[in-house]
């Protein structure tokens, strides 16, 4: 018996032919007790990650050297991670201003360096943005060692920023960009 088939892009024929070949191979291997079988195990490993909900935050602060009309600005920062503690020792979240020598600039053009700005994470005391971070001065907001217990984690890091009460700048409204980064080490 001959099958008459039109040799065009007939996908149904190709599909049926593939099914027929599979059927023949299965029935042939079932009849042959010497056929080999193997178990294949595939292990996939996803890379770890760490992220923060904000990366660049516009900051606007009012400052009065007499302390009457100074204010601070709160930034809600969330950090999350999923890391392998066998590969990574810990996580770190830090913030810095784009320009350390002119972290915020007043409406009259007065520059305030990062060292005259302060930040507080949660209920911690205010401290200056003065830690060296590459070409910037900033502050570490979180540094946590990893274990299997905290390999998947999330932290709320509410940051409050202000001009230091001891800053030697005139009363004005100051603006700048705060950068927030997270990394593992």
C-alpha atoms as a PDB file:
ATOM      1  CA  UNK A   1       0.000   0.000   0.000  1.00  0.00           C
ATOM      2  CA  UNK A   2       1.342   3.361  -0.984  1.00  0.00           C
ATOM      3  CA  UNK A   3       0.504   6.685   0.575  1.00  0.00           C
ATOM      4  CA  UNK A   4       0.172   9.473  -1.845  1.00  0.00           C
ATOM      5  CA  UNK A   5       1.346  12.670  -0.146  1.00  0.00           C
ATOM      6  CA  UNK A   6       1.655  16.137  -1.558  1.00  0.00           C
ATOM      7  CA  UNK A   7       5.121  17.430  -0.663  1.00  0.00           C
ATOM      8  CA  UNK A   8       4.302  20.969   0.295  1.00  0.00           C
ATOM      9  CA  UNK A   9       4.307  22.713   3.657  1.00  0.00           C
ATOM     10  CA  UNK A  10       1.770  20.272   4.967  1.00  0.00           C
ATOM     11  CA  UNK A  11       2.438  20.507   8.710  1.00  0.00           C
ATOM     12  CA  UNK A  12      -0.193  17.929   9.510  1.00  0.00           C
ATOM     13  CA  UNK A  13       1.733  15.310   7.576  1.00  0.00           C
ATOM     14  CA  UNK A  14       4.972  16.136   9.388  1.00  0.00           C
ATOM     15  CA  UNK A  15       3.206  15.982  12.749  1.00  0.00           C
ATOM     16  CA  UNK A  16       1.551  12.653  11.964  1.00  0.00           C
ATOM     17  CA  UNK A  17       4.817  11.231  10.649  1.00  0.00           C
ATOM     18  CA  UNK A  18       6.611  12.309  13.866  1.00  0.00           C
ATOM     19  CA  UNK A  19       3.862  10.694  15.954  1.00  0.00           C
ATOM     20  CA  UNK A  20       4.125   7.486  13.929  1.00  0.00           C
ATOM     21  CA  UNK A  21       7.928   7.347  14.376  1.00  0.00           C
ATOM     22  CA  UNK A  22       7.540   7.901  18.129  1.00  0.00           C
ATOM     23  CA  UNK A  23       4.919   5.139  18.299  1.00  0.00           C
ATOM     24  CA  UNK A  24       7.212   2.718  16.475  1.00  0.00           C
ATOM     25  CA  UNK A  25      10.173   3.529  18.721  1.00  0.00           C
ATOM     26  CA  UNK A  26       8.126   3.044  21.896  1.00  0.00           C
ATOM     27  CA  UNK A  27       6.652  -0.274  20.799  1.00  0.00           C
ATOM     28  CA  UNK A  28      10.028  -1.504  19.574  1.00  0.00           C
ATOM     29  CA  UNK A  29      11.763  -0.625  22.863  1.00  0.00           C
ATOM     30  CA  UNK A  30       8.969  -2.296  24.853  1.00  0.00           C
ATOM     31  CA  UNK A  31       9.578  -5.532  22.971  1.00  0.00           C
ATOM     32  CA  UNK A  32      13.370  -5.371  23.420  1.00  0.00           C
ATOM     33  CA  UNK A  33      14.312  -6.163  27.041  1.00  0.00           C
ATOM     34  CA  UNK A  34      17.916  -5.086  26.433  1.00  0.00           C
ATOM     35  CA  UNK A  35      16.995  -1.513  25.685  1.00  0.00           C
ATOM     36  CA  UNK A  36      18.618   0.955  28.008  1.00  0.00           C
ATOM     37  CA  UNK A  37      16.824   3.561  30.041  1.00  0.00           C
ATOM     38  CA  UNK A  38      18.258   6.504  31.906  1.00  0.00           C
ATOM     39  CA  UNK A  39      17.078   9.051  34.389  1.00  0.00           C
ATOM     40  CA  UNK A  40      17.899  12.625  33.551  1.00  0.00           C
ATOM     41  CA  UNK A  41      18.070  15.125  36.387  1.00  0.00           C
ATOM     42  CA  UNK A  42      18.228  18.822  35.582  1.00  0.00           C
ATOM     43  CA  UNK A  43      19.250  21.252  38.299  1.00  0.00           C
ATOM     44  CA  UNK A  44      18.722  24.934  37.664  1.00  0.00           C
ATOM     45  CA  UNK A  45      20.318  27.558  39.871  1.00  0.00           C
ATOM     46  CA  UNK A  46      18.957  31.073  39.717  1.00  0.00           C
ATOM     47  CA  UNK A  47      21.333  33.909  40.483  1.00  0.00           C
ATOM     48  CA  UNK A  48      20.753  35.835  43.698  1.00  0.00           C
ATOM     49  CA  UNK A  49      19.474  39.383  43.744  1.00  0.00           C
ATOM     50  CA  UNK A  50      19.196  42.448  45.937  1.00  0.00           C
ATOM     51  CA  UNK A  51      17.097  45.515  45.237  1.00  0.00           C
ATOM     52  CA  UNK A  52      15.871  48.789  46.737  1.00  0.00           C
ATOM     53  CA  UNK A  53      12.565  50.473  45.944  1.00  0.00           C
ATOM     54  CA  UNK A  54      14.177  53.840  45.102  1.00  0.00           C
ATOM     55  CA  UNK A  55      17.502  54.689  43.523  1.00  0.00           C
ATOM     56  CA  UNK A  56      17.458  58.473  43.021  1.00  0.00           C
ATOM     57  CA  UNK A  57      15.493  60.722  45.345  1.00  0.00           C
ATOM     58  CA  UNK A  58      15.070  64.489  44.901  1.00  0.00           C
ATOM     59  CA  UNK A  59      15.654  66.122  48.301  1.00  0.00           C
ATOM     60  CA  UNK A  60      14.334  69.569  49.285  1.00  0.00           C
ATOM     61  CA  UNK A  61      15.169  70.991  52.710  1.00  0.00           C
ATOM     62  CA  UNK A  62      14.401  74.312  54.375  1.00  0.00           C
ATOM     63  CA  UNK A  63      17.166  75.521  56.688  1.00  0.00           C
ATOM     64  CA  UNK A  64      17.297  78.407  59.136  1.00  0.00           C
ATOM     65  CA  UNK A  65      20.522  78.799  61.136  1.00  0.00           C
ATOM     66  CA  UNK A  66      18.455  80.072  64.063  1.00  0.00           C
ATOM     67  CA  UNK A  67      16.513  76.791  64.024  1.00  0.00           C
ATOM     68  CA  UNK A  68      13.081  78.387  63.755  1.00  0.00           C
ATOM     69  CA  UNK A  69      12.031  77.186  60.305  1.00  0.00           C
ATOM     70  CA  UNK A  70      14.331  74.268  59.556  1.00  0.00           C
ATOM     71  CA  UNK A  71      12.810  71.021  58.406  1.00  0.00           C
ATOM     72  CA  UNK A  72      13.809  67.513  57.459  1.00  0.00           C
ATOM     73  CA  UNK A  73      12.676  65.163  54.737  1.00  0.00           C
ATOM     74  CA  UNK A  74      11.728  61.512  55.194  1.00  0.00           C
ATOM     75  CA  UNK A  75      12.360  58.928  52.487  1.00  0.00           C
ATOM     76  CA  UNK A  76      10.755  55.475  52.844  1.00  0.00           C
ATOM     77  CA  UNK A  77      13.363  53.002  51.609  1.00  0.00           C
ATOM     78  CA  UNK A  78      12.693  49.270  51.268  1.00  0.00           C
ATOM     79  CA  UNK A  79      15.437  46.711  50.617  1.00  0.00           C
ATOM     80  CA  UNK A  80      14.779  43.108  49.569  1.00  0.00           C
ATOM     81  CA  UNK A  81      17.072  40.222  48.683  1.00  0.00           C
ATOM     82  CA  UNK A  82      17.220  36.538  47.853  1.00  0.00           C
ATOM     83  CA  UNK A  83      20.824  35.350  48.091  1.00  0.00           C
ATOM     84  CA  UNK A  84      22.780  32.167  48.681  1.00  0.00           C
ATOM     85  CA  UNK A  85      24.762  32.489  51.942  1.00  0.00           C
ATOM     86  CA  UNK A  86      27.260  29.939  50.581  1.00  0.00           C
ATOM     87  CA  UNK A  87      28.173  32.478  47.865  1.00  0.00           C
ATOM     88  CA  UNK A  88      27.577  35.808  49.617  1.00  0.00           C
ATOM     89  CA  UNK A  89      28.671  36.977  53.074  1.00  0.00           C
ATOM     90  CA  UNK A  90      26.240  39.856  53.561  1.00  0.00           C
ATOM     91  CA  UNK A  91      24.134  42.720  52.252  1.00  0.00           C
ATOM     92  CA  UNK A  92      24.667  46.451  52.421  1.00  0.00           C
ATOM     93  CA  UNK A  93      22.431  49.446  51.674  1.00  0.00           C
ATOM     94  CA  UNK A  94      23.981  52.888  51.491  1.00  0.00           C
ATOM     95  CA  UNK A  95      23.078  56.387  50.371  1.00  0.00           C
ATOM     96  CA  UNK A  96      25.085  59.333  49.110  1.00  0.00           C
ATOM     97  CA  UNK A  97      24.571  62.601  47.292  1.00  0.00           C
ATOM     98  CA  UNK A  98      25.449  62.963  43.607  1.00  0.00           C
ATOM     99  CA  UNK A  99      27.919  65.754  44.357  1.00  0.00           C
ATOM    100  CA  UNK A 100      29.746  65.553  47.682  1.00  0.00           C
ATOM    101  CA  UNK A 101      30.975  69.155  47.595  1.00  0.00           C
ATOM    102  CA  UNK A 102      27.536  70.483  46.573  1.00  0.00           C
ATOM    103  CA  UNK A 103      25.143  67.836  47.896  1.00  0.00           C
ATOM    104  CA  UNK A 104      22.305  70.349  48.046  1.00  0.00           C
ATOM    105  CA  UNK A 105      22.203  73.829  46.513  1.00  0.00           C
ATOM    106  CA  UNK A 106      20.162  76.751  47.788  1.00  0.00           C
ATOM    107  CA  UNK A 107      17.928  79.007  45.710  1.00  0.00           C
ATOM    108  CA  UNK A 108      20.615  81.733  46.079  1.00  0.00           C
ATOM    109  CA  UNK A 109      23.327  79.362  44.757  1.00  0.00           C
ATOM    110  CA  UNK A 110      24.879  78.401  48.104  1.00  0.00           C
ATOM    111  CA  UNK A 111      26.393  74.901  48.082  1.00  0.00           C
ATOM    112  CA  UNK A 112      26.080  72.646  51.112  1.00  0.00           C
ATOM    113  CA  UNK A 113      28.606  69.782  51.192  1.00  0.00           C
ATOM    114  CA  UNK A 114      27.455  66.283  52.147  1.00  0.00           C
ATOM    115  CA  UNK A 115      29.433  66.523  55.393  1.00  0.00           C
ATOM    116  CA  UNK A 116      27.021  69.262  56.576  1.00  0.00           C
ATOM    117  CA  UNK A 117      23.984  67.063  55.955  1.00  0.00           C
ATOM    118  CA  UNK A 118      22.791  64.417  58.376  1.00  0.00           C
ATOM    119  CA  UNK A 119      20.708  61.277  58.088  1.00  0.00           C
ATOM    120  CA  UNK A 120      18.874  59.055  60.518  1.00  0.00           C
ATOM    121  CA  UNK A 121      17.635  55.535  59.748  1.00  0.00           C
ATOM    122  CA  UNK A 122      14.560  54.653  61.792  1.00  0.00           C
ATOM    123  CA  UNK A 123      15.082  55.731  65.383  1.00  0.00           C
ATOM    124  CA  UNK A 124      18.889  55.917  65.170  1.00  0.00           C
ATOM    125  CA  UNK A 125      20.751  59.123  65.969  1.00  0.00           C
ATOM    126  CA  UNK A 126      21.500  61.584  63.162  1.00  0.00           C
ATOM    127  CA  UNK A 127      24.966  61.211  61.646  1.00  0.00           C
ATOM    128  CA  UNK A 128      26.726  63.020  58.798  1.00  0.00           C
ATOM    129  CA  UNK A 129      27.008  61.815  55.204  1.00  0.00           C
ATOM    130  CA  UNK A 130      30.785  61.560  55.544  1.00  0.00           C
ATOM    131  CA  UNK A 131      31.722  57.895  54.954  1.00  0.00           C
ATOM    132  CA  UNK A 132      33.937  57.505  51.866  1.00  0.00           C
ATOM    133  CA  UNK A 133      32.034  55.725  49.083  1.00  0.00           C
ATOM    134  CA  UNK A 134      34.130  55.827  45.936  1.00  0.00           C
ATOM    135  CA  UNK A 135      34.022  59.408  44.676  1.00  0.00           C
ATOM    136  CA  UNK A 136      31.239  60.303  47.090  1.00  0.00           C
ATOM    137  CA  UNK A 137      30.651  60.795  50.790  1.00  0.00           C
ATOM    138  CA  UNK A 138      27.619  59.038  52.194  1.00  0.00           C
ATOM    139  CA  UNK A 139      26.319  56.794  54.922  1.00  0.00           C
ATOM    140  CA  UNK A 140      25.737  53.074  55.372  1.00  0.00           C
ATOM    141  CA  UNK A 141      22.099  52.460  56.189  1.00  0.00           C
ATOM    142  CA  UNK A 142      22.263  48.672  56.607  1.00  0.00           C
ATOM    143  CA  UNK A 143      25.085  46.148  56.789  1.00  0.00           C
ATOM    144  CA  UNK A 144      23.957  42.641  57.642  1.00  0.00           C
ATOM    145  CA  UNK A 145      25.771  39.302  57.555  1.00  0.00           C
ATOM    146  CA  UNK A 146      23.923  36.503  55.774  1.00  0.00           C
ATOM    147  CA  UNK A 147      23.056  33.058  57.060  1.00  0.00           C
ATOM    148  CA  UNK A 148      20.547  30.490  55.911  1.00  0.00           C
ATOM    149  CA  UNK A 149      18.028  32.061  58.305  1.00  0.00           C
ATOM    150  CA  UNK A 150      18.072  35.467  56.569  1.00  0.00           C
ATOM    151  CA  UNK A 151      19.089  34.512  53.009  1.00  0.00           C
ATOM    152  CA  UNK A 152      15.703  35.809  51.867  1.00  0.00           C
ATOM    153  CA  UNK A 153      15.051  39.141  53.505  1.00  0.00           C
ATOM    154  CA  UNK A 154      13.286  42.471  53.499  1.00  0.00           C
ATOM    155  CA  UNK A 155      14.056  45.560  55.560  1.00  0.00           C
ATOM    156  CA  UNK A 156      12.267  48.888  55.925  1.00  0.00           C
ATOM    157  CA  UNK A 157      14.834  51.658  56.207  1.00  0.00           C
ATOM    158  CA  UNK A 158      13.016  54.982  56.741  1.00  0.00           C
ATOM    159  CA  UNK A 159      15.666  57.643  56.176  1.00  0.00           C
ATOM    160  CA  UNK A 160      15.280  61.183  57.498  1.00  0.00           C
ATOM    161  CA  UNK A 161      17.609  63.809  56.001  1.00  0.00           C
ATOM    162  CA  UNK A 162      18.319  67.307  57.343  1.00  0.00           C
ATOM    163  CA  UNK A 163      20.876  70.098  57.155  1.00  0.00           C
ATOM    164  CA  UNK A 164      23.054  69.774  60.269  1.00  0.00           C
ATOM    165  CA  UNK A 165      22.035  72.325  62.918  1.00  0.00           C
ATOM    166  CA  UNK A 166      25.698  73.415  63.089  1.00  0.00           C
ATOM    167  CA  UNK A 167      25.949  74.057  59.322  1.00  0.00           C
ATOM    168  CA  UNK A 168      27.436  77.397  58.365  1.00  0.00           C
ATOM    169  CA  UNK A 169      25.095  78.289  55.513  1.00  0.00           C
ATOM    170  CA  UNK A 170      22.442  81.003  55.214  1.00  0.00           C
ATOM    171  CA  UNK A 171      18.717  80.452  55.619  1.00  0.00           C
ATOM    172  CA  UNK A 172      17.328  79.118  52.344  1.00  0.00           C
ATOM    173  CA  UNK A 173      15.603  76.209  50.650  1.00  0.00           C
ATOM    174  CA  UNK A 174      18.142  73.641  49.451  1.00  0.00           C
ATOM    175  CA  UNK A 175      17.711  70.901  46.836  1.00  0.00           C
ATOM    176  CA  UNK A 176      19.794  67.967  45.623  1.00  0.00           C
ATOM    177  CA  UNK A 177      19.693  64.317  44.564  1.00  0.00           C
ATOM    178  CA  UNK A 178      20.162  61.465  47.024  1.00  0.00           C
ATOM    179  CA  UNK A 179      21.312  58.157  45.532  1.00  0.00           C
ATOM    180  CA  UNK A 180      20.431  54.859  47.259  1.00  0.00           C
ATOM    181  CA  UNK A 181      22.232  51.630  46.351  1.00  0.00           C
ATOM    182  CA  UNK A 182      22.288  48.073  47.601  1.00  0.00           C
ATOM    183  CA  UNK A 183      24.935  45.427  47.090  1.00  0.00           C
ATOM    184  CA  UNK A 184      26.098  42.116  48.447  1.00  0.00           C
ATOM    185  CA  UNK A 185      29.612  41.288  49.534  1.00  0.00           C
END
